[in-house]
């Protein structure tokens, strides 16, 4: 079973007592460590808003209780104490459902990836097929790692499409139209029997960048997932941005060609009709005996294929133009590109940067860092696991 709730109401302490206050402060420290993995005491103080003395005292007590582990380190050239959670067997599951795949990761409280794997799925698969494939992967990874199912804190799942946070349902516009309208939360809870948290895959990709990537201190970040669909996840003022009902970052449906092709959303000339991997595959498969795959696109572009380089350059310029509008609106510190084309590196980054600089306010474009995700195709699953670490019931104190 998941860990018992670590809430003050789960004890018989008076809400205003010193013991209750210490418990709440301890929970704040655990939550920060569950989100970030490893922090110094000074970083814990900044993230929790507690004084350094309070953090130091609580850390000492939690070390004695076996909840956390400490080790000497350096921070800004000074000696410091690094703090991590003692895993204690609690595990979060992250699942990334894609148009043609499902990927699963098992993650410990101290931010270690215990196991990961994925399988391909047929195009147009039904929700039940994807959920069953994920369940089989989870069962196999648990068996291989020796992790007991009772240690699971919860499951996070990423879906390539907009999710109405009021209902937890996938709405029209998803890359997986077969999943639109189903009670995804209910089906996943029924299949796994543990707490479930769902989100759009681009949102989870952004969350992974500030939780697992090199951007843990970045307050304003845009993650762009470039695949069969194109979506963006936003971290604004240090937190994921969801807007009114949770449907944000639909940059793939920004108009970039007024007289372009009709998009699956019903509009004309959307970014997806110009720059998605599906469009690239269609263009590069013409005149070939067999259709190319996304892996082929990366391979032939790296080999210098002129048609592939032209298609990628056109797509990158369009992506950069769309990102310029985002930058002019929210002025992020960093834009991270993810998806199945990350292996292209500068071949894709360079035209995106040109498009960004051409259409953004100069001061904004020049001050925005543009980078390729170092998390490869595991970003969305890692972000899904982070969702569990952020929202699941805390370990007992």
Protein backbone atom coordinates (compact mmCIF):
# COMPACT_ATOMS: atom_id res chain seq x y z
CA UNK A 1 0.00 0.00 0.00
CA UNK A 2 1.14 3.61 -0.47
CA UNK A 3 2.74 5.33 2.49
CA UNK A 4 0.40 6.62 5.15
CA UNK A 5 -0.50 10.30 4.86
CA UNK A 6 2.03 12.55 6.52
CA UNK A 7 -0.36 15.26 7.59
CA UNK A 8 -0.82 17.00 10.90
CA UNK A 9 -4.41 15.81 10.96
CA UNK A 10 -3.11 12.25 10.98
CA UNK A 11 -1.78 12.80 14.52
CA UNK A 12 -3.37 13.86 17.78
CA UNK A 13 -1.14 16.90 18.20
CA UNK A 14 -2.66 20.32 18.76
CA UNK A 15 -2.38 22.33 15.51
CA UNK A 16 -0.53 25.19 17.22
CA UNK A 17 1.83 23.08 19.33
CA UNK A 18 5.60 23.03 18.87
CA UNK A 19 5.50 19.38 17.82
CA UNK A 20 2.86 20.12 15.18
CA UNK A 21 4.91 23.05 13.88
CA UNK A 22 8.04 20.91 13.70
CA UNK A 23 6.06 18.25 11.82
CA UNK A 24 4.81 20.76 9.26
CA UNK A 25 8.30 22.16 8.78
CA UNK A 26 9.67 18.64 8.37
CA UNK A 27 7.04 17.98 5.70
CA UNK A 28 8.12 21.12 3.85
CA UNK A 29 11.69 19.89 3.82
CA UNK A 30 10.68 16.42 2.64
CA UNK A 31 8.51 17.91 -0.11
CA UNK A 32 11.40 20.07 -1.35
CA UNK A 33 13.71 17.05 -1.40
CA UNK A 34 11.11 14.89 -3.15
CA UNK A 35 10.88 17.51 -5.89
CA UNK A 36 14.57 18.35 -6.31
CA UNK A 37 16.34 15.22 -5.11
CA UNK A 38 19.49 16.70 -3.54
CA UNK A 39 19.81 20.14 -1.93
CA UNK A 40 22.18 21.89 0.43
CA UNK A 41 20.82 23.18 3.72
CA UNK A 42 21.06 26.74 2.36
CA UNK A 43 19.03 25.75 -0.73
CA UNK A 44 16.47 24.05 1.52
CA UNK A 45 16.12 27.26 3.50
CA UNK A 46 15.52 29.26 0.32
CA UNK A 47 13.01 26.79 -1.12
CA UNK A 48 11.01 26.28 2.08
CA UNK A 49 11.23 29.81 3.47
CA UNK A 50 12.51 28.45 6.78
CA UNK A 51 15.47 29.95 8.58
CA UNK A 52 18.85 28.25 8.18
CA UNK A 53 18.88 27.50 11.92
CA UNK A 54 15.47 25.81 11.72
CA UNK A 55 16.54 23.78 8.70
CA UNK A 56 19.75 22.73 10.45
CA UNK A 57 17.90 21.57 13.57
CA UNK A 58 15.26 19.65 11.61
CA UNK A 59 17.87 18.04 9.37
CA UNK A 60 19.78 16.79 12.42
CA UNK A 61 16.60 15.28 13.90
CA UNK A 62 15.61 13.69 10.59
CA UNK A 63 19.08 12.16 10.19
CA UNK A 64 18.68 10.59 13.64
CA UNK A 65 15.28 9.23 12.57
CA UNK A 66 16.76 7.74 9.39
CA UNK A 67 14.56 9.85 7.10
CA UNK A 68 17.37 11.67 5.31
CA UNK A 69 21.06 11.30 4.53
CA UNK A 70 23.71 14.04 4.55
CA UNK A 71 27.16 14.33 3.05
CA UNK A 72 29.76 17.12 2.82
CA UNK A 73 29.89 19.10 -0.42
CA UNK A 74 30.85 22.54 -1.72
CA UNK A 75 28.51 25.31 -2.83
CA UNK A 76 29.83 28.52 -4.40
CA UNK A 77 33.30 27.53 -3.24
CA UNK A 78 32.25 27.05 0.39
CA UNK A 79 31.82 23.92 2.44
CA UNK A 80 28.20 22.87 2.75
CA UNK A 81 26.06 19.91 3.75
CA UNK A 82 24.21 18.06 0.99
CA UNK A 83 20.84 16.58 2.01
CA UNK A 84 18.95 13.74 0.31
CA UNK A 85 16.00 11.58 1.28
CA UNK A 86 16.62 8.05 2.46
CA UNK A 87 14.63 6.12 -0.15
CA UNK A 88 13.13 3.74 2.47
CA UNK A 89 11.66 1.62 -0.35
CA UNK A 90 9.07 4.20 -1.48
CA UNK A 91 8.83 4.36 -5.27
CA UNK A 92 7.07 6.60 -7.79
CA UNK A 93 5.97 5.35 -11.22
CA UNK A 94 6.18 7.61 -14.27
CA UNK A 95 4.38 6.66 -17.50
CA UNK A 96 4.67 8.42 -20.85
CA UNK A 97 1.88 7.48 -23.27
CA UNK A 98 2.70 8.41 -26.85
CA UNK A 99 1.11 8.01 -30.24
CA UNK A 100 3.19 4.90 -30.93
CA UNK A 101 4.81 4.05 -27.58
CA UNK A 102 4.55 3.79 -23.82
CA UNK A 103 7.59 4.39 -21.59
CA UNK A 104 7.79 3.63 -17.87
CA UNK A 105 10.27 4.65 -15.16
CA UNK A 106 10.50 3.67 -11.49
CA UNK A 107 11.98 6.41 -9.31
CA UNK A 108 12.98 6.40 -5.64
CA UNK A 109 12.41 9.24 -3.18
CA UNK A 110 16.07 10.21 -3.40
CA UNK A 111 15.76 10.79 -7.16
CA UNK A 112 17.35 7.61 -8.41
CA UNK A 113 16.00 5.93 -11.54
CA UNK A 114 15.61 2.33 -10.40
CA UNK A 115 14.42 0.94 -13.73
CA UNK A 116 13.01 2.06 -17.06
CA UNK A 117 11.75 0.52 -20.28
CA UNK A 118 9.30 1.08 -23.09
CA UNK A 119 7.42 -0.71 -25.84
CA UNK A 120 6.04 0.31 -29.20
CA UNK A 121 2.29 0.49 -29.72
CA UNK A 122 0.30 0.36 -32.97
CA UNK A 123 -0.82 3.63 -34.50
CA UNK A 124 -4.40 4.36 -33.45
CA UNK A 125 -4.29 2.10 -30.40
CA UNK A 126 -7.12 2.29 -27.89
CA UNK A 127 -6.67 3.54 -24.33
CA UNK A 128 -7.12 0.05 -22.89
CA UNK A 129 -4.22 -1.25 -25.02
CA UNK A 130 -1.92 1.50 -23.80
CA UNK A 131 -2.93 1.08 -20.16
CA UNK A 132 -2.47 -2.70 -20.29
CA UNK A 133 0.95 -2.30 -21.91
CA UNK A 134 1.94 0.11 -19.15
CA UNK A 135 0.66 -2.27 -16.47
CA UNK A 136 2.71 -5.13 -17.93
CA UNK A 137 5.82 -2.94 -17.99
CA UNK A 138 5.32 -1.88 -14.38
CA UNK A 139 4.84 -5.47 -13.21
CA UNK A 140 7.97 -6.59 -15.04
CA UNK A 141 10.12 -3.72 -13.75
CA UNK A 142 8.94 -4.32 -10.18
CA UNK A 143 9.88 -7.99 -10.49
CA UNK A 144 13.27 -7.20 -12.01
CA UNK A 145 14.18 -4.67 -9.33
CA UNK A 146 12.68 -6.60 -6.42
CA UNK A 147 10.51 -3.63 -5.45
CA UNK A 148 7.32 -4.60 -3.64
CA UNK A 149 4.11 -3.24 -5.15
CA UNK A 150 3.17 -2.03 -1.67
CA UNK A 151 6.03 0.47 -1.86
CA UNK A 152 4.45 2.43 -4.70
CA UNK A 153 3.56 6.00 -3.74
CA UNK A 154 1.55 6.56 -6.88
CA UNK A 155 1.61 6.76 -10.65
CA UNK A 156 2.03 9.82 -12.86
CA UNK A 157 1.01 9.67 -16.50
CA UNK A 158 1.69 11.97 -19.44
CA UNK A 159 -0.71 12.21 -22.40
CA UNK A 160 0.04 13.91 -25.75
CA UNK A 161 -2.97 16.16 -25.74
CA UNK A 162 -4.85 18.80 -23.76
CA UNK A 163 -6.37 17.66 -20.46
CA UNK A 164 -9.26 19.47 -18.82
CA UNK A 165 -8.15 19.66 -15.18
CA UNK A 166 -11.75 20.08 -14.05
CA UNK A 167 -12.65 16.58 -15.22
CA UNK A 168 -9.33 14.80 -15.79
CA UNK A 169 -10.45 13.93 -19.32
CA UNK A 170 -8.51 14.24 -22.58
CA UNK A 171 -10.26 16.78 -24.78
CA UNK A 172 -10.44 17.32 -28.55
CA UNK A 173 -7.10 18.11 -30.16
CA UNK A 174 -5.11 15.21 -28.76
CA UNK A 175 -2.63 13.25 -30.87
CA UNK A 176 -4.47 10.20 -29.50
CA UNK A 177 -8.05 10.90 -30.68
CA UNK A 178 -9.05 7.39 -29.53
CA UNK A 179 -8.45 8.56 -25.94
CA UNK A 180 -10.61 11.69 -26.13
CA UNK A 181 -13.42 11.84 -23.57
CA UNK A 182 -12.52 8.77 -21.51
CA UNK A 183 -12.26 8.87 -17.72
CA UNK A 184 -8.50 8.40 -17.80
CA UNK A 185 -7.98 8.97 -14.08
CA UNK A 186 -10.60 6.38 -13.22
CA UNK A 187 -9.25 3.79 -15.65
CA UNK A 188 -5.67 4.19 -14.45
CA UNK A 189 -6.73 4.00 -10.79
CA UNK A 190 -8.68 0.84 -11.56
CA UNK A 191 -5.75 -0.71 -13.42
CA UNK A 192 -3.06 0.09 -10.85
CA UNK A 193 -4.88 0.47 -7.53
CA UNK A 194 -2.68 3.38 -6.39
CA UNK A 195 -3.02 7.19 -6.44
CA UNK A 196 -2.83 8.52 -10.01
CA UNK A 197 -1.87 11.96 -11.34
CA UNK A 198 -2.10 12.93 -15.02
CA UNK A 199 -0.92 15.83 -17.12
CA UNK A 200 -0.09 16.85 -20.65
CA UNK A 201 3.24 15.37 -21.77
CA UNK A 202 4.79 18.76 -22.63
CA UNK A 203 3.97 20.06 -19.13
CA UNK A 204 5.73 17.01 -17.70
CA UNK A 205 8.70 17.55 -19.99
CA UNK A 206 9.04 21.06 -18.58
CA UNK A 207 8.72 19.75 -15.02
CA UNK A 208 11.48 17.23 -15.71
CA UNK A 209 13.86 19.94 -16.90
CA UNK A 210 13.65 21.80 -13.58
CA UNK A 211 13.62 18.62 -11.50
CA UNK A 212 16.11 16.33 -13.28
CA UNK A 213 17.90 18.53 -15.77
CA UNK A 214 20.45 21.31 -15.28
CA UNK A 215 17.77 23.99 -14.78
CA UNK A 216 16.73 23.47 -11.16
CA UNK A 217 17.38 27.13 -10.36
CA UNK A 218 15.57 28.47 -13.42
CA UNK A 219 12.32 30.25 -12.59
CA UNK A 220 10.96 30.77 -16.12
CA UNK A 221 11.39 27.98 -18.67
CA UNK A 222 9.63 26.83 -21.83
CA UNK A 223 9.87 23.20 -22.90
CA UNK A 224 8.91 22.52 -26.51
CA UNK A 225 8.14 18.93 -27.44
CA UNK A 226 8.53 18.40 -31.17
CA UNK A 227 6.97 15.17 -32.41
CA UNK A 228 3.84 13.99 -34.21
CA UNK A 229 2.28 16.91 -32.37
CA UNK A 230 3.92 20.05 -31.06
CA UNK A 231 3.25 21.30 -27.55
CA UNK A 232 4.88 23.51 -24.96
CA UNK A 233 5.12 23.25 -21.20
CA UNK A 234 5.60 26.42 -19.18
CA UNK A 235 7.38 26.93 -15.87
CA UNK A 236 6.60 30.48 -14.74
CA UNK A 237 7.86 31.96 -11.48
CA UNK A 238 9.15 28.54 -10.49
CA UNK A 239 5.89 26.60 -10.95
CA UNK A 240 4.05 24.89 -13.84
CA UNK A 241 1.54 27.22 -15.45
CA UNK A 242 -1.89 25.75 -16.19
CA UNK A 243 -4.09 28.74 -16.91
CA UNK A 244 -7.83 28.52 -16.35
CA UNK A 245 -8.76 24.89 -17.09
CA UNK A 246 -5.33 23.36 -17.70
CA UNK A 247 -5.16 23.78 -21.48
CA UNK A 248 -1.97 25.76 -22.08
CA UNK A 249 1.07 25.59 -24.34
CA UNK A 250 -0.85 24.58 -27.49
CA UNK A 251 1.83 26.23 -29.62
CA UNK A 252 1.39 23.57 -32.30
CA UNK A 253 -1.83 25.32 -33.25
CA UNK A 254 -0.32 28.76 -33.63
CA UNK A 255 -0.84 29.98 -37.21
CA UNK A 256 2.45 30.34 -39.11
CA UNK A 257 1.13 30.11 -42.70
CA UNK A 258 -2.08 31.98 -43.45
CA UNK A 259 -2.75 29.96 -46.61
CA UNK A 260 -1.26 26.70 -45.39
CA UNK A 261 -2.70 23.23 -44.98
CA UNK A 262 -5.77 22.42 -42.91
CA UNK A 263 -4.73 21.19 -39.46
CA UNK A 264 -6.38 18.36 -37.52
CA UNK A 265 -7.69 21.06 -35.13
CA UNK A 266 -9.72 22.59 -37.99
CA UNK A 267 -7.62 25.71 -38.47
CA UNK A 268 -5.32 26.44 -41.40
CA UNK A 269 -1.55 26.80 -41.45
CA UNK A 270 -0.86 25.68 -37.88
CA UNK A 271 2.74 25.08 -36.81
CA UNK A 272 2.06 21.32 -36.73
CA UNK A 273 1.26 21.35 -40.47
CA UNK A 274 4.73 22.75 -41.14
CA UNK A 275 7.07 21.42 -38.47
CA UNK A 276 5.75 18.20 -36.90
CA UNK A 277 7.65 14.97 -37.44
CA UNK A 278 4.58 13.65 -39.27
CA UNK A 279 4.93 16.46 -41.82
CA UNK A 280 8.67 15.83 -42.14
CA UNK A 281 8.03 12.12 -42.70
CA UNK A 282 5.46 12.87 -45.42
CA UNK A 283 7.83 15.24 -47.22
CA UNK A 284 10.90 13.03 -47.02
CA UNK A 285 9.08 9.81 -47.90
CA UNK A 286 8.14 11.08 -51.35
CA UNK A 287 10.04 9.29 -54.06
CA UNK A 288 11.39 6.65 -51.67
CA UNK A 289 10.55 2.97 -51.83
CA UNK A 290 9.68 2.92 -48.10
CA UNK A 291 8.50 5.70 -45.75
CA UNK A 292 11.15 7.18 -43.50
CA UNK A 293 10.90 7.17 -39.71
CA UNK A 294 11.93 9.83 -37.18
CA UNK A 295 15.07 7.79 -36.56
CA UNK A 296 15.75 7.90 -40.32
CA UNK A 297 15.32 11.68 -40.35
CA UNK A 298 17.99 12.08 -37.68
CA UNK A 299 20.31 9.60 -39.41
CA UNK A 300 20.12 11.01 -42.93
CA UNK A 301 20.33 14.61 -41.70
CA UNK A 302 23.50 13.82 -39.77
CA UNK A 303 24.81 12.20 -42.99
CA UNK A 304 24.18 15.48 -44.83
CA UNK A 305 21.11 14.53 -46.91
CA UNK A 306 20.16 17.83 -48.63
CA UNK A 307 16.40 17.19 -48.62
CA UNK A 308 16.40 16.35 -44.91
CA UNK A 309 18.50 19.42 -44.11
CA UNK A 310 16.08 21.65 -46.06
CA UNK A 311 12.98 20.19 -44.40
CA UNK A 312 14.55 20.56 -40.93
CA UNK A 313 15.68 24.10 -41.68
CA UNK A 314 12.19 25.15 -42.79
CA UNK A 315 10.64 23.48 -39.75
CA UNK A 316 13.15 25.07 -37.39
CA UNK A 317 12.49 28.57 -38.74
CA UNK A 318 8.75 28.08 -38.24
CA UNK A 319 9.28 26.77 -34.70
CA UNK A 320 11.52 29.74 -33.92
CA UNK A 321 8.87 32.16 -35.17
CA UNK A 322 6.21 30.58 -32.96
CA UNK A 323 8.56 30.56 -29.97
CA UNK A 324 9.31 34.24 -30.53
CA UNK A 325 5.67 35.05 -29.80
CA UNK A 326 5.89 33.03 -26.58
CA UNK A 327 9.10 34.83 -25.61
CA UNK A 328 7.61 38.24 -26.30
CA UNK A 329 4.73 37.32 -24.00
CA UNK A 330 6.41 35.63 -21.02
CA UNK A 331 10.17 36.38 -21.45
CA UNK A 332 11.59 33.00 -20.31
CA UNK A 333 15.17 32.49 -19.24
CA UNK A 334 15.51 29.21 -21.12
CA UNK A 335 13.81 27.34 -23.96
CA UNK A 336 14.50 23.59 -24.08
CA UNK A 337 13.68 21.52 -27.14
CA UNK A 338 12.67 17.89 -26.61
CA UNK A 339 11.12 15.02 -28.49
CA UNK A 340 12.39 12.45 -30.94
CA UNK A 341 14.69 14.83 -32.87
CA UNK A 342 17.02 15.81 -30.01
CA UNK A 343 19.84 13.90 -31.70
CA UNK A 344 19.98 16.58 -34.41
CA UNK A 345 21.53 19.11 -32.02
CA UNK A 346 22.74 22.17 -33.97
CA UNK A 347 21.09 21.06 -37.22
CA UNK A 348 17.74 21.83 -35.58
CA UNK A 349 18.80 24.38 -32.98
CA UNK A 350 20.40 26.76 -35.48
CA UNK A 351 17.29 27.44 -37.62
CA UNK A 352 15.12 27.63 -34.49
CA UNK A 353 17.50 30.25 -33.13
CA UNK A 354 17.41 32.21 -36.40
CA UNK A 355 13.63 32.21 -36.40
CA UNK A 356 13.54 33.24 -32.75
CA UNK A 357 15.97 36.13 -33.21
CA UNK A 358 14.22 37.30 -36.37
CA UNK A 359 10.76 37.58 -34.77
CA UNK A 360 11.36 38.26 -31.06
CA UNK A 361 11.95 41.64 -29.49
CA UNK A 362 15.75 41.95 -29.80
CA UNK A 363 16.46 42.25 -26.07
CA UNK A 364 14.22 39.25 -25.37
CA UNK A 365 15.55 37.02 -28.13
CA UNK A 366 19.19 37.76 -27.34
CA UNK A 367 18.77 37.09 -23.61
CA UNK A 368 16.88 33.79 -24.00
CA UNK A 369 18.98 30.62 -23.79
CA UNK A 370 18.06 27.95 -26.33
CA UNK A 371 19.14 24.37 -25.66
CA UNK A 372 18.41 20.76 -26.56
CA UNK A 373 17.09 18.56 -23.75
CA UNK A 374 19.70 16.29 -22.21
CA UNK A 375 16.98 13.95 -20.93
CA UNK A 376 16.28 12.53 -24.39
CA UNK A 377 13.05 10.50 -24.67
CA UNK A 378 12.79 9.92 -20.92
CA UNK A 379 11.88 13.51 -20.01
CA UNK A 380 8.10 13.04 -20.02
CA UNK A 381 8.21 9.84 -17.93
CA UNK A 382 10.58 11.48 -15.44
CA UNK A 383 8.24 14.46 -15.24
CA UNK A 384 5.34 12.10 -14.59
CA UNK A 385 7.25 10.49 -11.71
CA UNK A 386 8.03 13.96 -10.36
CA UNK A 387 4.30 14.68 -10.36
CA UNK A 388 3.91 11.81 -7.92
CA UNK A 389 6.79 13.03 -5.75
CA UNK A 390 5.19 16.47 -5.59
CA UNK A 391 1.60 15.45 -4.91
CA UNK A 392 1.45 11.96 -3.40
CA UNK A 393 1.04 11.45 0.32
CA UNK A 394 4.33 11.94 2.09
CA UNK A 395 6.20 9.17 3.87
CA UNK A 396 5.38 8.78 7.54
CA UNK A 397 7.34 10.95 9.93
